[in-house]
Amino acid sequence: KVLDHALSGEAGISSCERFVEALGLRTLFSAFMGKSRTGKRK
């Protein structure tokens, strides 16, 4: 949720680049596919 706000808009351009550099895509898409949710979250 915090990243959603940090990366939005033109002011978030640098943060978007930093996010990819920090290898955030793999974890993000893992959550997107629902592979990381615990039983409580499901």
PDB file of all heavy atoms in Angstrom:
ATOM      1  N   LYS A   1       0.835  -1.212   0.000  1.00  0.00           N
ATOM      2  CA  LYS A   1       0.000   0.000   0.000  1.00  0.00           C
ATOM      3  C   LYS A   1       0.863   1.253   0.000  1.00  0.00           C
ATOM      4  O   LYS A   1       0.566   2.227  -0.715  1.00  0.00           O
ATOM      5  CB  LYS A   1      -0.925  -0.018   1.219  1.00  0.00           C
ATOM      6  CG  LYS A   1      -1.843   1.189   1.297  1.00  0.00           C
ATOM      7  CD  LYS A   1      -2.912   1.023   2.362  1.00  0.00           C
ATOM      8  CE  LYS A   1      -2.358   1.057   3.756  1.00  0.00           C
ATOM      9  NZ  LYS A   1      -3.436   1.064   4.786  1.00  0.00           N
ATOM     10  N   VAL A   2       1.927   1.256   0.792  1.00  0.00           N
ATOM     11  CA  VAL A   2       2.821   2.412   0.825  1.00  0.00           C
ATOM     12  C   VAL A   2       3.478   2.620  -0.534  1.00  0.00           C
ATOM     13  O   VAL A   2       3.575   3.754  -1.037  1.00  0.00           O
ATOM     14  CB  VAL A   2       3.892   2.232   1.924  1.00  0.00           C
ATOM     15  CG1 VAL A   2       4.947   3.327   1.831  1.00  0.00           C
ATOM     16  CG2 VAL A   2       3.253   2.246   3.305  1.00  0.00           C
ATOM     17  N   LEU A   3       3.935   1.538  -1.162  1.00  0.00           N
ATOM     18  CA  LEU A   3       4.566   1.655  -2.480  1.00  0.00           C
ATOM     19  C   LEU A   3       3.594   2.186  -3.527  1.00  0.00           C
ATOM     20  O   LEU A   3       3.995   2.911  -4.453  1.00  0.00           O
ATOM     21  CB  LEU A   3       5.121   0.296  -2.914  1.00  0.00           C
ATOM     22  CG  LEU A   3       6.400  -0.151  -2.205  1.00  0.00           C
ATOM     23  CD1 LEU A   3       6.706  -1.612  -2.515  1.00  0.00           C
ATOM     24  CD2 LEU A   3       7.573   0.739  -2.607  1.00  0.00           C
ATOM     25  N   ASP A   4       2.337   1.830  -3.417  1.00  0.00           N
ATOM     26  CA  ASP A   4       1.323   2.345  -4.341  1.00  0.00           C
ATOM     27  C   ASP A   4       1.327   3.865  -4.333  1.00  0.00           C
ATOM     28  O   ASP A   4       1.237   4.514  -5.380  1.00  0.00           O
ATOM     29  CB  ASP A   4      -0.047   1.796  -3.945  1.00  0.00           C
ATOM     30  CG  ASP A   4      -1.163   2.232  -4.880  1.00  0.00           C
ATOM     31  OD1 ASP A   4      -0.865   2.760  -5.970  1.00  0.00           O
ATOM     32  OD2 ASP A   4      -2.340   2.048  -4.526  1.00  0.00           O
ATOM     33  N   HIS A   5       1.478   4.465  -3.141  1.00  0.00           N
ATOM     34  CA  HIS A   5       1.483   5.921  -3.032  1.00  0.00           C
ATOM     35  C   HIS A   5       2.837   6.517  -3.376  1.00  0.00           C
ATOM     36  O   HIS A   5       2.902   7.597  -3.975  1.00  0.00           O
ATOM     37  CB  HIS A   5       1.079   6.329  -1.615  1.00  0.00           C
ATOM     38  CG  HIS A   5      -0.346   6.024  -1.307  1.00  0.00           C
ATOM     39  ND1 HIS A   5      -1.369   6.897  -1.566  1.00  0.00           N
ATOM     40  CD2 HIS A   5      -0.931   4.926  -0.790  1.00  0.00           C
ATOM     41  CE1 HIS A   5      -2.526   6.362  -1.217  1.00  0.00           C
ATOM     42  NE2 HIS A   5      -2.278   5.160  -0.741  1.00  0.00           N
ATOM     43  N   ALA A   6       3.893   5.829  -3.030  1.00  0.00           N
ATOM     44  CA  ALA A   6       5.232   6.364  -3.278  1.00  0.00           C
ATOM     45  C   ALA A   6       5.573   6.409  -4.765  1.00  0.00           C
ATOM     46  O   ALA A   6       6.291   7.306  -5.225  1.00  0.00           O
ATOM     47  CB  ALA A   6       6.269   5.523  -2.536  1.00  0.00           C
ATOM     48  N   LEU A   7       5.060   5.468  -5.540  1.00  0.00           N
ATOM     49  CA  LEU A   7       5.412   5.361  -6.958  1.00  0.00           C
ATOM     50  C   LEU A   7       4.483   6.147  -7.871  1.00  0.00           C
ATOM     51  O   LEU A   7       4.764   6.292  -9.067  1.00  0.00           O
ATOM     52  CB  LEU A   7       5.418   3.895  -7.399  1.00  0.00           C
ATOM     53  CG  LEU A   7       6.717   3.099  -7.183  1.00  0.00           C
ATOM     54  CD1 LEU A   7       7.175   3.126  -5.743  1.00  0.00           C
ATOM     55  CD2 LEU A   7       6.527   1.652  -7.647  1.00  0.00           C
ATOM     56  N   SER A   8       3.380   6.649  -7.376  1.00  0.00           N
ATOM     57  CA  SER A   8       2.376   7.291  -8.230  1.00  0.00           C
ATOM     58  C   SER A   8       2.811   8.681  -8.670  1.00  0.00           C
ATOM     59  O   SER A   8       3.540   9.380  -7.961  1.00  0.00           O
ATOM     60  CB  SER A   8       1.037   7.382  -7.501  1.00  0.00           C
ATOM     61  OG  SER A   8       1.145   8.248  -6.393  1.00  0.00           O
ATOM     62  N   GLY A   9       2.350   9.061  -9.860  1.00  0.00           N
ATOM     63  CA  GLY A   9       2.566  10.411 -10.358  1.00  0.00           C
ATOM     64  C   GLY A   9       3.977  10.673 -10.843  1.00  0.00           C
ATOM     65  O   GLY A   9       4.881   9.850 -10.724  1.00  0.00           O
ATOM     66  N   GLU A  10       4.171  11.865 -11.403  1.00  0.00           N
ATOM     67  CA  GLU A  10       5.493  12.245 -11.917  1.00  0.00           C
ATOM     68  C   GLU A  10       6.534  12.295 -10.809  1.00  0.00           C
ATOM     69  O   GLU A  10       7.718  12.032 -11.046  1.00  0.00           O
ATOM     70  CB  GLU A  10       5.390  13.597 -12.621  1.00  0.00           C
ATOM     71  CG  GLU A  10       4.583  13.553 -13.904  1.00  0.00           C
ATOM     72  CD  GLU A  10       4.532  14.895 -14.595  1.00  0.00           C
ATOM     73  OE1 GLU A  10       3.627  15.684 -14.271  1.00  0.00           O
ATOM     74  OE2 GLU A  10       5.396  15.151 -15.456  1.00  0.00           O
ATOM     75  N   ALA A  11       6.101  12.651  -9.595  1.00  0.00           N
ATOM     76  CA  ALA A  11       7.040  12.702  -8.474  1.00  0.00           C
ATOM     77  C   ALA A  11       7.537  11.312  -8.085  1.00  0.00           C
ATOM     78  O   ALA A  11       8.513  11.184  -7.338  1.00  0.00           O
ATOM     79  CB  ALA A  11       6.380  13.363  -7.267  1.00  0.00           C
ATOM     80  N   GLY A  12       6.868  10.260  -8.592  1.00  0.00           N
ATOM     81  CA  GLY A  12       7.279   8.895  -8.263  1.00  0.00           C
ATOM     82  C   GLY A  12       8.146   8.237  -9.311  1.00  0.00           C
ATOM     83  O   GLY A  12       8.442   7.038  -9.205  1.00  0.00           O
ATOM     84  N   ILE A  13       8.587   9.001 -10.330  1.00  0.00           N
ATOM     85  CA  ILE A  13       9.395   8.411 -11.405  1.00  0.00           C
ATOM     86  C   ILE A  13      10.680   7.791 -10.860  1.00  0.00           C
ATOM     87  O   ILE A  13      11.023   6.648 -11.178  1.00  0.00           O
ATOM     88  CB  ILE A  13       9.718   9.472 -12.476  1.00  0.00           C
ATOM     89  CG1 ILE A  13       8.442   9.870 -13.215  1.00  0.00           C
ATOM     90  CG2 ILE A  13      10.765   8.949 -13.461  1.00  0.00           C
ATOM     91  CD1 ILE A  13       8.636  10.980 -14.235  1.00  0.00           C
ATOM     92  N   SER A  14      11.392   8.534 -10.042  1.00  0.00           N
ATOM     93  CA  SER A  14      12.662   8.018  -9.487  1.00  0.00           C
ATOM     94  C   SER A  14      12.421   6.800  -8.605  1.00  0.00           C
ATOM     95  O   SER A  14      13.219   5.853  -8.604  1.00  0.00           O
ATOM     96  CB  SER A  14      13.368   9.113  -8.685  1.00  0.00           C
ATOM     97  OG  SER A  14      13.707  10.204  -9.512  1.00  0.00           O
ATOM     98  N   SER A  15      11.317   6.807  -7.862  1.00  0.00           N
ATOM     99  CA  SER A  15      11.002   5.665  -7.000  1.00  0.00           C
ATOM    100  C   SER A  15      10.657   4.432  -7.830  1.00  0.00           C
ATOM    101  O   SER A  15      10.955   3.298  -7.427  1.00  0.00           O
ATOM    102  CB  SER A  15       9.841   6.013  -6.058  1.00  0.00           C
ATOM    103  OG  SER A  15      10.223   7.000  -5.128  1.00  0.00           O
ATOM    104  N   CYS A  16      10.033   4.640  -8.987  1.00  0.00           N
ATOM    105  CA  CYS A  16       9.738   3.505  -9.869  1.00  0.00           C
ATOM    106  C   CYS A  16      11.031   2.848 -10.344  1.00  0.00           C
ATOM    107  O   CYS A  16      11.148   1.615 -10.367  1.00  0.00           O
ATOM    108  CB  CYS A  16       8.911   3.973 -11.068  1.00  0.00           C
ATOM    109  SG  CYS A  16       7.193   4.364 -10.674  1.00  0.00           S
ATOM    110  N   GLU A  17      11.991   3.667 -10.747  1.00  0.00           N
ATOM    111  CA  GLU A  17      13.291   3.127 -11.172  1.00  0.00           C
ATOM    112  C   GLU A  17      13.966   2.390 -10.023  1.00  0.00           C
ATOM    113  O   GLU A  17      14.505   1.294 -10.192  1.00  0.00           O
ATOM    114  CB  GLU A  17      14.190   4.269 -11.658  1.00  0.00           C
ATOM    115  CG  GLU A  17      13.737   4.929 -12.948  1.00  0.00           C
ATOM    116  CD  GLU A  17      14.036   4.072 -14.165  1.00  0.00           C
ATOM    117  OE1 GLU A  17      14.707   3.022 -14.027  1.00  0.00           O
ATOM    118  OE2 GLU A  17      13.581   4.441 -15.270  1.00  0.00           O
ATOM    119  N   ARG A  18      13.906   3.000  -8.828  1.00  0.00           N
ATOM    120  CA  ARG A  18      14.549   2.381  -7.656  1.00  0.00           C
ATOM    121  C   ARG A  18      13.862   1.062  -7.312  1.00  0.00           C
ATOM    122  O   ARG A  18      14.528   0.113  -6.883  1.00  0.00           O
ATOM    123  CB  ARG A  18      14.460   3.350  -6.475  1.00  0.00           C
ATOM    124  CG  ARG A  18      15.167   2.889  -5.205  1.00  0.00           C
ATOM    125  CD  ARG A  18      16.674   3.023  -5.321  1.00  0.00           C
ATOM    126  NE  ARG A  18      17.052   4.413  -5.450  1.00  0.00           N
ATOM    127  CZ  ARG A  18      17.224   5.256  -4.427  1.00  0.00           C
ATOM    128  NH1 ARG A  18      17.039   4.842  -3.183  1.00  0.00           N
ATOM    129  NH2 ARG A  18      17.599   6.503  -4.648  1.00  0.00           N
ATOM    130  N   PHE A  19      12.552   0.991  -7.478  1.00  0.00           N
ATOM    131  CA  PHE A  19      11.806  -0.226  -7.171  1.00  0.00           C
ATOM    132  C   PHE A  19      12.274  -1.393  -8.038  1.00  0.00           C
ATOM    133  O   PHE A  19      12.480  -2.507  -7.545  1.00  0.00           O
ATOM    134  CB  PHE A  19      10.312   0.028  -7.385  1.00  0.00           C
ATOM    135  CG  PHE A  19       9.443  -1.182  -7.195  1.00  0.00           C
ATOM    136  CD1 PHE A  19       9.114  -1.633  -5.926  1.00  0.00           C
ATOM    137  CD2 PHE A  19       8.955  -1.885  -8.291  1.00  0.00           C
ATOM    138  CE1 PHE A  19       8.320  -2.752  -5.745  1.00  0.00           C
ATOM    139  CE2 PHE A  19       8.154  -3.003  -8.120  1.00  0.00           C
ATOM    140  CZ  PHE A  19       7.832  -3.441  -6.848  1.00  0.00           C
ATOM    141  N   VAL A  20      12.450  -1.147  -9.328  1.00  0.00           N
ATOM    142  CA  VAL A  20      12.921  -2.215 -10.229  1.00  0.00           C
ATOM    143  C   VAL A  20      14.352  -2.603  -9.892  1.00  0.00           C
ATOM    144  O   VAL A  20      14.704  -3.794  -9.872  1.00  0.00           O
ATOM    145  CB  VAL A  20      12.807  -1.766 -11.698  1.00  0.00           C
ATOM    146  CG1 VAL A  20      13.346  -2.857 -12.635  1.00  0.00           C
ATOM    147  CG2 VAL A  20      11.354  -1.449 -12.050  1.00  0.00           C
ATOM    148  N   GLU A  21      15.189  -1.609  -9.599  1.00  0.00           N
ATOM    149  CA  GLU A  21      16.585  -1.884  -9.240  1.00  0.00           C
ATOM    150  C   GLU A  21      16.678  -2.700  -7.958  1.00  0.00           C
ATOM    151  O   GLU A  21      17.605  -3.513  -7.793  1.00  0.00           O
ATOM    152  CB  GLU A  21      17.347  -0.571  -9.070  1.00  0.00           C
ATOM    153  CG  GLU A  21      17.521   0.228 -10.358  1.00  0.00           C
ATOM    154  CD  GLU A  21      18.096   1.606 -10.106  1.00  0.00           C
ATOM    155  OE1 GLU A  21      18.401   1.907  -8.920  1.00  0.00           O
ATOM    156  OE2 GLU A  21      18.234   2.391 -11.069  1.00  0.00           O
ATOM    157  N   ALA A  22      15.742  -2.503  -7.039  1.00  0.00           N
ATOM    158  CA  ALA A  22      15.746  -3.227  -5.761  1.00  0.00           C
ATOM    159  C   ALA A  22      15.119  -4.613  -5.882  1.00  0.00           C
ATOM    160  O   ALA A  22      14.859  -5.269  -4.864  1.00  0.00           O
ATOM    161  CB  ALA A  22      15.017  -2.416  -4.699  1.00  0.00           C
ATOM    162  N   LEU A  23      14.876  -5.050  -7.125  1.00  0.00           N
ATOM    163  CA  LEU A  23      14.329  -6.392  -7.403  1.00  0.00           C
ATOM    164  C   LEU A  23      12.930  -6.569  -6.813  1.00  0.00           C
ATOM    165  O   LEU A  23      12.580  -7.624  -6.277  1.00  0.00           O
ATOM    166  CB  LEU A  23      15.276  -7.478  -6.867  1.00  0.00           C
ATOM    167  CG  LEU A  23      16.733  -7.394  -7.336  1.00  0.00           C
ATOM    168  CD1 LEU A  23      17.558  -8.517  -6.704  1.00  0.00           C
ATOM    169  CD2 LEU A  23      16.825  -7.445  -8.851  1.00  0.00           C
ATOM    170  N   GLY A  24      12.144  -5.499  -6.919  1.00  0.00           N
ATOM    171  CA  GLY A  24      10.797  -5.571  -6.377  1.00  0.00           C
ATOM    172  C   GLY A  24       9.784  -6.243  -7.282  1.00  0.00           C
ATOM    173  O   GLY A  24       8.719  -6.658  -6.821  1.00  0.00           O
ATOM    174  N   LEU A  25      10.104  -6.388  -8.607  1.00  0.00           N
ATOM    175  CA  LEU A  25       9.135  -6.955  -9.543  1.00  0.00           C
ATOM    176  C   LEU A  25       8.772  -8.396  -9.198  1.00  0.00           C
ATOM    177  O   LEU A  25       7.600  -8.784  -9.262  1.00  0.00           O
ATOM    178  CB  LEU A  25       9.683  -6.887 -10.976  1.00  0.00           C
ATOM    179  CG  LEU A  25       9.751  -5.494 -11.610  1.00  0.00           C
ATOM    180  CD1 LEU A  25      10.389  -5.574 -12.986  1.00  0.00           C
ATOM    181  CD2 LEU A  25       8.361  -4.883 -11.697  1.00  0.00           C
ATOM    182  N   ARG A  26       9.760  -9.182  -8.858  1.00  0.00           N
ATOM    183  CA  ARG A  26       9.511 -10.599  -8.566  1.00  0.00           C
ATOM    184  C   ARG A  26       8.539 -10.757  -7.400  1.00  0.00           C
ATOM    185  O   ARG A  26       7.575 -11.536  -7.477  1.00  0.00           O
ATOM    186  CB  ARG A  26      10.827 -11.311  -8.261  1.00  0.00           C
ATOM    187  CG  ARG A  26      10.649 -12.786  -7.948  1.00  0.00           C
ATOM    188  CD  ARG A  26      11.990 -13.454  -7.738  1.00  0.00           C
ATOM    189  NE  ARG A  26      11.816 -14.874  -7.421  1.00  0.00           N
ATOM    190  CZ  ARG A  26      12.826 -15.716  -7.198  1.00  0.00           C
ATOM    191  NH1 ARG A  26      14.086 -15.285  -7.272  1.00  0.00           N
ATOM    192  NH2 ARG A  26      12.589 -16.974  -6.903  1.00  0.00           N
ATOM    193  N   THR A  27       8.794 -10.030  -6.330  1.00  0.00           N
ATOM    194  CA  THR A  27       7.921 -10.129  -5.158  1.00  0.00           C
ATOM    195  C   THR A  27       6.542  -9.562  -5.451  1.00  0.00           C
ATOM    196  O   THR A  27       5.526 -10.103  -5.000  1.00  0.00           O
ATOM    197  CB  THR A  27       8.553  -9.378  -3.970  1.00  0.00           C
ATOM    198  OG1 THR A  27       9.880  -9.848  -3.762  1.00  0.00           O
ATOM    199  CG2 THR A  27       7.749  -9.597  -2.708  1.00  0.00           C
ATOM    200  N   LEU A  28       6.493  -8.471  -6.224  1.00  0.00           N
ATOM    201  CA  LEU A  28       5.215  -7.856  -6.562  1.00  0.00           C
ATOM    202  C   LEU A  28       4.341  -8.819  -7.360  1.00  0.00           C
ATOM    203  O   LEU A  28       3.149  -8.990  -7.051  1.00  0.00           O
ATOM    204  CB  LEU A  28       5.448  -6.576  -7.367  1.00  0.00           C
ATOM    205  CG  LEU A  28       4.180  -5.848  -7.830  1.00  0.00           C
ATOM    206  CD1 LEU A  28       3.449  -5.253  -6.637  1.00  0.00           C
ATOM    207  CD2 LEU A  28       4.514  -4.764  -8.855  1.00  0.00           C
ATOM    208  N   PHE A  29       4.910  -9.469  -8.370  1.00  0.00           N
ATOM    209  CA  PHE A  29       4.109 -10.374  -9.192  1.00  0.00           C
ATOM    210  C   PHE A  29       3.772 -11.670  -8.457  1.00  0.00           C
ATOM    211  O   PHE A  29       2.767 -12.309  -8.758  1.00  0.00           O
ATOM    212  CB  PHE A  29       4.828 -10.663 -10.511  1.00  0.00           C
ATOM    213  CG  PHE A  29       4.625  -9.589 -11.534  1.00  0.00           C
ATOM    214  CD1 PHE A  29       5.598  -8.612 -11.744  1.00  0.00           C
ATOM    215  CD2 PHE A  29       3.453  -9.515 -12.258  1.00  0.00           C
ATOM    216  CE1 PHE A  29       5.408  -7.617 -12.677  1.00  0.00           C
ATOM    217  CE2 PHE A  29       3.249  -8.516 -13.195  1.00  0.00           C
ATOM    218  CZ  PHE A  29       4.230  -7.552 -13.408  1.00  0.00           C
ATOM    219  N   SER A  30       4.607 -12.023  -7.500  1.00  0.00           N
ATOM    220  CA  SER A  30       4.264 -13.173  -6.664  1.00  0.00           C
ATOM    221  C   SER A  30       3.001 -12.877  -5.862  1.00  0.00           C
ATOM    222  O   SER A  30       2.097 -13.710  -5.748  1.00  0.00           O
ATOM    223  CB  SER A  30       5.422 -13.499  -5.720  1.00  0.00           C
ATOM    224  OG  SER A  30       5.077 -14.545  -4.839  1.00  0.00           O
ATOM    225  N   ALA A  31       2.924 -11.645  -5.316  1.00  0.00           N
ATOM    226  CA  ALA A  31       1.722 -11.231  -4.586  1.00  0.00           C
ATOM    227  C   ALA A  31       0.541 -11.086  -5.544  1.00  0.00           C
ATOM    228  O   ALA A  31      -0.598 -11.420  -5.201  1.00  0.00           O
ATOM    229  CB  ALA A  31       1.988  -9.916  -3.863  1.00  0.00           C
ATOM    230  N   PHE A  32       0.807 -10.596  -6.750  1.00  0.00           N
ATOM    231  CA  PHE A  32      -0.247 -10.418  -7.745  1.00  0.00           C
ATOM    232  C   PHE A  32      -0.899 -11.749  -8.120  1.00  0.00           C
ATOM    233  O   PHE A  32      -2.115 -11.835  -8.311  1.00  0.00           O
ATOM    234  CB  PHE A  32       0.351  -9.752  -8.987  1.00  0.00           C
ATOM    235  CG  PHE A  32      -0.620  -9.565 -10.117  1.00  0.00           C
ATOM    236  CD1 PHE A  32      -1.731  -8.752  -9.969  1.00  0.00           C
ATOM    237  CD2 PHE A  32      -0.427 -10.208 -11.322  1.00  0.00           C
ATOM    238  CE1 PHE A  32      -2.635  -8.577 -11.015  1.00  0.00           C
ATOM    239  CE2 PHE A  32      -1.320 -10.037 -12.373  1.00  0.00           C
ATOM    240  CZ  PHE A  32      -2.428  -9.220 -12.218  1.00  0.00           C
ATOM    241  N   MET A  33      -0.105 -12.795  -8.183  1.00  0.00           N
ATOM    242  CA  MET A  33      -0.624 -14.119  -8.530  1.00  0.00           C
ATOM    243  C   MET A  33      -1.237 -14.827  -7.331  1.00  0.00           C
ATOM    244  O   MET A  33      -1.759 -15.943  -7.453  1.00  0.00           O
ATOM    245  CB  MET A  33       0.490 -14.980  -9.124  1.00  0.00           C
ATOM    246  CG  MET A  33       1.083 -14.449 -10.422  1.00  0.00           C
ATOM    247  SD  MET A  33      -0.151 -14.246 -11.722  1.00  0.00           S
ATOM    248  CE  MET A  33      -0.602 -15.954 -12.013  1.00  0.00           C
ATOM    249  N   GLY A  34      -1.177 -14.189  -6.149  1.00  0.00           N
ATOM    250  CA  GLY A  34      -1.782 -14.773  -4.959  1.00  0.00           C
ATOM    251  C   GLY A  34      -0.963 -15.864  -4.323  1.00  0.00           C
ATOM    252  O   GLY A  34      -1.463 -16.613  -3.477  1.00  0.00           O
ATOM    253  N   LYS A  35       0.324 -15.971  -4.700  1.00  0.00           N
ATOM    254  CA  LYS A  35       1.165 -17.050  -4.181  1.00  0.00           C
ATOM    255  C   LYS A  35       1.699 -16.761  -2.789  1.00  0.00           C
ATOM    256  O   LYS A  35       2.173 -17.662  -2.111  1.00  0.00           O
ATOM    257  CB  LYS A  35       2.351 -17.283  -5.125  1.00  0.00           C
ATOM    258  CG  LYS A  35       1.949 -17.738  -6.515  1.00  0.00           C
ATOM    259  CD  LYS A  35       3.164 -17.881  -7.409  1.00  0.00           C
ATOM    260  CE  LYS A  35       2.775 -18.334  -8.816  1.00  0.00           C
ATOM    261  NZ  LYS A  35       3.942 -18.460  -9.713  1.00  0.00           N
ATOM    262  N   SER A  36       1.611 -15.511  -2.365  1.00  0.00           N
ATOM    263  CA  SER A  36       2.247 -15.139  -1.095  1.00  0.00           C
ATOM    264  C   SER A  36       1.266 -14.917   0.032  1.00  0.00           C
ATOM    265  O   SER A  36       1.655 -14.604   1.142  1.00  0.00           O
ATOM    266  CB  SER A  36       3.057 -13.850  -1.297  1.00  0.00           C
ATOM    267  OG  SER A  36       2.199 -12.802  -1.699  1.00  0.00           O
ATOM    268  N   ARG A  37      -0.019 -15.059  -0.247  1.00  0.00           N
ATOM    269  CA  ARG A  37      -1.001 -14.762   0.792  1.00  0.00           C
ATOM    270  C   ARG A  37      -1.110 -15.891   1.793  1.00  0.00           C
ATOM    271  O   ARG A  37      -1.172 -17.058   1.423  1.00  0.00           O
ATOM    272  CB  ARG A  37      -2.370 -14.487   0.157  1.00  0.00           C
ATOM    273  CG  ARG A  37      -2.391 -13.184  -0.633  1.00  0.00           C
ATOM    274  CD  ARG A  37      -3.736 -12.951  -1.256  1.00  0.00           C
ATOM    275  NE  ARG A  37      -3.678 -11.764  -2.126  1.00  0.00           N
ATOM    276  CZ  ARG A  37      -4.602 -11.463  -3.001  1.00  0.00           C
ATOM    277  NH1 ARG A  37      -5.659 -12.241  -3.151  1.00  0.00           N
ATOM    278  NH2 ARG A  37      -4.496 -10.383  -3.750  1.00  0.00           N
ATOM    279  N   THR A  38      -1.195 -15.511   3.049  1.00  0.00           N
ATOM    280  CA  THR A  38      -1.372 -16.506   4.106  1.00  0.00           C
ATOM    281  C   THR A  38      -2.824 -16.938   4.138  1.00  0.00           C
ATOM    282  O   THR A  38      -3.686 -16.345   3.495  1.00  0.00           O
ATOM    283  CB  THR A  38      -0.996 -15.902   5.471  1.00  0.00           C
ATOM    284  OG1 THR A  38      -1.902 -14.834   5.758  1.00  0.00           O
ATOM    285  CG2 THR A  38       0.428 -15.361   5.449  1.00  0.00           C
ATOM    286  N   GLY A  39      -3.107 -17.956   4.924  1.00  0.00           N
ATOM    287  CA  GLY A  39      -4.482 -18.435   5.041  1.00  0.00           C
ATOM    288  C   GLY A  39      -5.415 -17.361   5.542  1.00  0.00           C
ATOM    289  O   GLY A  39      -6.547 -17.240   5.104  1.00  0.00           O
ATOM    290  N   LYS A  40      -4.937 -16.536   6.469  1.00  0.00           N
ATOM    291  CA  LYS A  40      -5.774 -15.476   7.017  1.00  0.00           C
ATOM    292  C   LYS A  40      -6.128 -14.464   5.943  1.00  0.00           C
ATOM    293  O   LYS A  40      -7.234 -13.970   5.863  1.00  0.00           O
ATOM    294  CB  LYS A  40      -5.066 -14.780   8.184  1.00  0.00           C
ATOM    295  CG  LYS A  40      -4.904 -15.665   9.412  1.00  0.00           C
ATOM    296  CD  LYS A  40      -4.225 -14.904  10.527  1.00  0.00           C
ATOM    297  CE  LYS A  40      -4.060 -15.764  11.771  1.00  0.00           C
ATOM    298  NZ  LYS A  40      -3.387 -15.030  12.859  1.00  0.00           N
ATOM    299  N   ARG A  41      -5.155 -14.135   5.095  1.00  0.00           N
ATOM    300  CA  ARG A  41      -5.414 -13.155   4.059  1.00  0.00           C
ATOM    301  C   ARG A  41      -6.374 -13.718   3.018  1.00  0.00           C
ATOM    302  O   ARG A  41      -7.218 -13.037   2.487  1.00  0.00           O
ATOM    303  CB  ARG A  41      -4.103 -12.743   3.370  1.00  0.00           C
ATOM    304  CG  ARG A  41      -3.091 -12.123   4.308  1.00  0.00           C
ATOM    305  CD  ARG A  41      -3.601 -10.857   4.929  1.00  0.00           C
ATOM    306  NE  ARG A  41      -3.764  -9.789   3.966  1.00  0.00           N
ATOM    307  CZ  ARG A  41      -4.230  -8.585   4.271  1.00  0.00           C
ATOM    308  NH1 ARG A  41      -4.609  -8.313   5.501  1.00  0.00           N
ATOM    309  NH2 ARG A  41      -4.349  -7.654   3.348  1.00  0.00           N
ATOM    310  N   LYS A  42      -6.223 -15.002   2.692  1.00  0.00           N
ATOM    311  CA  LYS A  42      -7.114 -15.609   1.719  1.00  0.00           C
ATOM    312  C   LYS A  42      -8.551 -15.654   2.232  1.00  0.00           C
ATOM    313  O   LYS A  42      -9.495 -15.603   1.469  1.00  0.00           O
ATOM    314  CB  LYS A  42      -6.646 -17.029   1.384  1.00  0.00           C
ATOM    315  CG  LYS A  42      -5.367 -17.068   0.558  1.00  0.00           C
ATOM    316  CD  LYS A  42      -4.971 -18.507   0.266  1.00  0.00           C
ATOM    317  CE  LYS A  42      -3.689 -18.566  -0.563  1.00  0.00           C
ATOM    318  NZ  LYS A  42      -3.279 -19.960  -0.823  1.00  0.00           N
TER     319      LYS A  42
END
